[in-house]
Amino acid sequence: MVLARVVLSKYSDKVLNVVKAKFDLKDKSEALNKFVELYGDEVVEREAKDQYVKKVIGISERHLKKYDSKKMSIKELDKLCEVS
């Protein structure tokens, strides 16, 4: 947890009060955290969890074992994409 002292504009204060009331939170700190949770992904991408990274690597390895480095022809790609 990080402690921070912030100075809010009247508008920011009003927004936090609305978030606090809407989600029945006990203080503006919780409201600020909720606001960041809701809209923070638009600014900063979350870090992937280790379990997710391992899952993606596993999928990739299984795909490579099954298909190796097989390439798809343009005709096969068009057929797959239903392009005539």
N, C-alpha and C. Protein backbone atom coordinates (compact mmCIF):
# COMPACT_ATOMS: atom_id res chain seq x y z
N MET A 1 0.84 -1.16 0.00
CA MET A 1 0.00 0.00 0.00
C MET A 1 0.89 1.24 0.00
N VAL A 2 0.47 2.24 -0.75
CA VAL A 2 1.19 3.50 -0.84
C VAL A 2 0.29 4.59 -0.27
N LEU A 3 0.84 5.38 0.62
CA LEU A 3 0.09 6.50 1.16
C LEU A 3 0.43 7.75 0.36
N ALA A 4 -0.60 8.54 0.01
CA ALA A 4 -0.36 9.74 -0.78
C ALA A 4 -1.32 10.84 -0.33
N ARG A 5 -0.79 11.99 -0.24
CA ARG A 5 -1.62 13.16 0.05
C ARG A 5 -1.87 13.85 -1.27
N VAL A 6 -3.13 14.08 -1.61
CA VAL A 6 -3.46 14.66 -2.91
C VAL A 6 -4.28 15.93 -2.75
N VAL A 7 -4.14 16.80 -3.72
CA VAL A 7 -4.96 18.01 -3.77
C VAL A 7 -5.89 17.84 -4.96
N LEU A 8 -7.20 17.91 -4.70
CA LEU A 8 -8.19 17.67 -5.74
C LEU A 8 -8.87 18.96 -6.17
N SER A 9 -9.19 19.03 -7.45
CA SER A 9 -10.02 20.14 -7.92
C SER A 9 -11.46 19.87 -7.45
N LYS A 10 -12.30 20.89 -7.56
CA LYS A 10 -13.71 20.71 -7.15
C LYS A 10 -14.36 19.61 -7.99
N TYR A 11 -14.05 19.58 -9.28
CA TYR A 11 -14.64 18.58 -10.16
C TYR A 11 -14.18 17.17 -9.77
N SER A 12 -12.88 17.00 -9.52
CA SER A 12 -12.35 15.70 -9.12
C SER A 12 -12.98 15.23 -7.82
N ASP A 13 -13.16 16.15 -6.90
CA ASP A 13 -13.80 15.83 -5.62
C ASP A 13 -15.23 15.36 -5.85
N LYS A 14 -15.93 16.04 -6.76
CA LYS A 14 -17.33 15.69 -7.06
C LYS A 14 -17.39 14.29 -7.69
N VAL A 15 -16.47 14.02 -8.62
CA VAL A 15 -16.44 12.70 -9.27
C VAL A 15 -16.19 11.61 -8.24
N LEU A 16 -15.22 11.83 -7.35
CA LEU A 16 -14.93 10.82 -6.33
C LEU A 16 -16.11 10.61 -5.39
N ASN A 17 -16.81 11.69 -5.07
CA ASN A 17 -18.01 11.55 -4.21
C ASN A 17 -19.08 10.72 -4.90
N VAL A 18 -19.24 10.90 -6.21
CA VAL A 18 -20.23 10.11 -6.96
C VAL A 18 -19.82 8.64 -7.00
N VAL A 19 -18.54 8.37 -7.27
CA VAL A 19 -18.04 6.99 -7.29
C VAL A 19 -18.21 6.35 -5.92
N LYS A 20 -17.90 7.11 -4.89
CA LYS A 20 -18.03 6.61 -3.52
C LYS A 20 -19.48 6.23 -3.22
N ALA A 21 -20.43 7.08 -3.60
CA ALA A 21 -21.84 6.81 -3.36
C ALA A 21 -22.35 5.66 -4.23
N LYS A 22 -21.96 5.66 -5.50
CA LYS A 22 -22.45 4.66 -6.44
C LYS A 22 -22.07 3.24 -6.03
N PHE A 23 -20.84 3.08 -5.52
CA PHE A 23 -20.36 1.75 -5.15
C PHE A 23 -20.39 1.51 -3.65
N ASP A 24 -21.03 2.41 -2.91
CA ASP A 24 -21.19 2.29 -1.46
C ASP A 24 -19.84 2.05 -0.76
N LEU A 25 -18.89 2.94 -1.06
CA LEU A 25 -17.55 2.83 -0.49
C LEU A 25 -17.46 3.70 0.75
N LYS A 26 -16.50 3.38 1.63
CA LYS A 26 -16.46 4.11 2.91
C LYS A 26 -15.68 5.42 2.87
N ASP A 27 -14.75 5.57 1.90
CA ASP A 27 -14.00 6.84 1.85
C ASP A 27 -13.52 7.13 0.43
N LYS A 28 -12.95 8.32 0.26
CA LYS A 28 -12.49 8.73 -1.07
C LYS A 28 -11.29 7.92 -1.53
N SER A 29 -10.54 7.38 -0.61
CA SER A 29 -9.42 6.53 -0.98
C SER A 29 -9.93 5.30 -1.73
N GLU A 30 -10.97 4.67 -1.20
CA GLU A 30 -11.58 3.52 -1.88
C GLU A 30 -12.19 3.95 -3.21
N ALA A 31 -12.78 5.14 -3.24
CA ALA A 31 -13.37 5.64 -4.49
C ALA A 31 -12.30 5.87 -5.55
N LEU A 32 -11.18 6.42 -5.15
CA LEU A 32 -10.08 6.64 -6.09
C LEU A 32 -9.54 5.31 -6.62
N ASN A 33 -9.38 4.34 -5.72
CA ASN A 33 -8.92 3.01 -6.15
C ASN A 33 -9.92 2.36 -7.10
N LYS A 34 -11.22 2.52 -6.83
CA LYS A 34 -12.25 1.95 -7.69
C LYS A 34 -12.21 2.62 -9.07
N PHE A 35 -12.06 3.93 -9.09
CA PHE A 35 -11.98 4.67 -10.34
C PHE A 35 -10.80 4.21 -11.18
N VAL A 36 -9.66 4.04 -10.54
CA VAL A 36 -8.46 3.56 -11.24
C VAL A 36 -8.66 2.14 -11.73
N GLU A 37 -9.31 1.30 -10.92
CA GLU A 37 -9.59 -0.08 -11.33
C GLU A 37 -10.47 -0.11 -12.57
N LEU A 38 -11.45 0.80 -12.63
CA LEU A 38 -12.38 0.84 -13.75
C LEU A 38 -11.76 1.41 -15.03
N TYR A 39 -10.94 2.45 -14.89
CA TYR A 39 -10.48 3.17 -16.07
C TYR A 39 -8.96 3.17 -16.27
N GLY A 40 -8.22 2.56 -15.37
CA GLY A 40 -6.77 2.56 -15.47
C GLY A 40 -6.23 1.81 -16.67
N ASP A 41 -6.94 0.77 -17.10
CA ASP A 41 -6.48 -0.03 -18.25
C ASP A 41 -6.42 0.79 -19.53
N GLU A 42 -7.15 1.89 -19.58
CA GLU A 42 -7.12 2.75 -20.77
C GLU A 42 -5.80 3.51 -20.86
N VAL A 43 -5.10 3.62 -19.73
CA VAL A 43 -3.87 4.40 -19.69
C VAL A 43 -2.65 3.50 -19.52
N VAL A 44 -2.75 2.53 -18.61
CA VAL A 44 -1.62 1.64 -18.31
C VAL A 44 -2.10 0.20 -18.42
N GLU A 45 -1.41 -0.58 -19.24
CA GLU A 45 -1.75 -1.98 -19.41
C GLU A 45 -1.30 -2.76 -18.17
N ARG A 46 -2.16 -3.66 -17.71
CA ARG A 46 -1.81 -4.48 -16.55
C ARG A 46 -0.73 -5.49 -16.92
N GLU A 47 0.05 -5.88 -15.94
CA GLU A 47 1.07 -6.90 -16.17
C GLU A 47 0.41 -8.27 -16.18
N ALA A 48 0.88 -9.12 -17.06
CA ALA A 48 0.35 -10.47 -17.15
C ALA A 48 0.84 -11.29 -15.95
N LYS A 49 -0.06 -12.11 -15.43
CA LYS A 49 0.31 -12.98 -14.31
C LYS A 49 1.16 -14.13 -14.83
N ASP A 50 2.03 -14.64 -13.98
CA ASP A 50 2.92 -15.74 -14.37
C ASP A 50 2.15 -16.94 -14.90
N GLN A 51 1.02 -17.25 -14.26
CA GLN A 51 0.22 -18.40 -14.66
C GLN A 51 -0.28 -18.22 -16.10
N TYR A 52 -0.70 -17.01 -16.45
CA TYR A 52 -1.19 -16.73 -17.79
C TYR A 52 -0.06 -16.85 -18.81
N VAL A 53 1.10 -16.31 -18.48
CA VAL A 53 2.26 -16.39 -19.39
C VAL A 53 2.63 -17.84 -19.64
N LYS A 54 2.66 -18.65 -18.57
CA LYS A 54 2.97 -20.07 -18.72
C LYS A 54 1.95 -20.77 -19.61
N LYS A 55 0.67 -20.41 -19.47
CA LYS A 55 -0.38 -21.02 -20.29
C LYS A 55 -0.18 -20.68 -21.77
N VAL A 56 0.13 -19.42 -22.07
CA VAL A 56 0.35 -19.00 -23.45
C VAL A 56 1.57 -19.70 -24.04
N ILE A 57 2.63 -19.81 -23.26
CA ILE A 57 3.83 -20.51 -23.73
C ILE A 57 3.52 -21.97 -24.01
N GLY A 58 2.72 -22.60 -23.13
CA GLY A 58 2.33 -23.99 -23.34
C GLY A 58 1.53 -24.18 -24.62
N ILE A 59 0.60 -23.27 -24.87
CA ILE A 59 -0.20 -23.33 -26.10
C ILE A 59 0.71 -23.20 -27.31
N SER A 60 1.63 -22.27 -27.25
CA SER A 60 2.56 -22.05 -28.35
C SER A 60 3.42 -23.29 -28.60
N GLU A 61 3.93 -23.90 -27.53
CA GLU A 61 4.78 -25.09 -27.67
C GLU A 61 3.99 -26.26 -28.26
N ARG A 62 2.75 -26.45 -27.81
CA ARG A 62 1.92 -27.53 -28.36
C ARG A 62 1.64 -27.29 -29.84
N HIS A 63 1.39 -26.06 -30.20
CA HIS A 63 1.13 -25.73 -31.60
C HIS A 63 2.37 -26.04 -32.46
N LEU A 64 3.53 -25.64 -31.96
CA LEU A 64 4.76 -25.89 -32.72
C LEU A 64 5.05 -27.39 -32.85
N LYS A 65 4.75 -28.17 -31.79
CA LYS A 65 4.95 -29.62 -31.87
C LYS A 65 4.03 -30.23 -32.93
N LYS A 66 2.80 -29.74 -32.96
CA LYS A 66 1.82 -30.30 -33.87
C LYS A 66 2.07 -29.88 -35.32
N TYR A 67 2.36 -28.61 -35.53
CA TYR A 67 2.45 -28.08 -36.89
C TYR A 67 3.87 -27.72 -37.32
N ASP A 68 4.81 -27.77 -36.39
CA ASP A 68 6.20 -27.41 -36.65
C ASP A 68 6.24 -26.03 -37.31
N SER A 69 6.86 -25.91 -38.45
CA SER A 69 6.93 -24.61 -39.11
C SER A 69 6.20 -24.65 -40.45
N LYS A 70 5.11 -25.42 -40.47
CA LYS A 70 4.32 -25.56 -41.69
C LYS A 70 3.76 -24.19 -42.09
N LYS A 71 3.85 -23.90 -43.35
CA LYS A 71 3.35 -22.63 -43.86
C LYS A 71 2.04 -22.86 -44.59
N MET A 72 1.20 -21.85 -44.58
CA MET A 72 -0.10 -21.92 -45.23
C MET A 72 -0.02 -21.17 -46.56
N SER A 73 -0.60 -21.77 -47.57
CA SER A 73 -0.61 -21.10 -48.88
C SER A 73 -1.69 -20.02 -48.87
N ILE A 74 -1.61 -19.15 -49.83
CA ILE A 74 -2.61 -18.09 -49.96
C ILE A 74 -3.99 -18.70 -50.19
N LYS A 75 -4.06 -19.77 -50.99
CA LYS A 75 -5.34 -20.43 -51.24
C LYS A 75 -5.93 -21.00 -49.96
N GLU A 76 -5.07 -21.64 -49.13
CA GLU A 76 -5.54 -22.19 -47.87
C GLU A 76 -6.04 -21.08 -46.94
N LEU A 77 -5.32 -19.98 -46.91
CA LEU A 77 -5.72 -18.85 -46.07
C LEU A 77 -7.04 -18.27 -46.56
N ASP A 78 -7.18 -18.11 -47.87
CA ASP A 78 -8.44 -17.60 -48.42
C ASP A 78 -9.61 -18.52 -48.09
N LYS A 79 -9.39 -19.84 -48.19
CA LYS A 79 -10.42 -20.81 -47.87
C LYS A 79 -10.79 -20.72 -46.39
N LEU A 80 -9.80 -20.61 -45.53
CA LEU A 80 -10.02 -20.50 -44.09
C LEU A 80 -10.82 -19.23 -43.76
N CYS A 81 -10.51 -18.15 -44.45
CA CYS A 81 -11.19 -16.88 -44.21
C CYS A 81 -12.45 -16.71 -45.04
N GLU A 82 -12.82 -17.74 -45.78
CA GLU A 82 -14.00 -17.76 -46.63
C GLU A 82 -13.98 -16.62 -47.64
N VAL A 83 -12.81 -16.40 -48.24
CA VAL A 83 -12.65 -15.39 -49.28
C VAL A 83 -12.59 -16.12 -50.61
N SER A 84 -13.41 -15.70 -51.54
CA SER A 84 -13.44 -16.39 -52.84
C SER A 84 -12.54 -15.73 -53.84
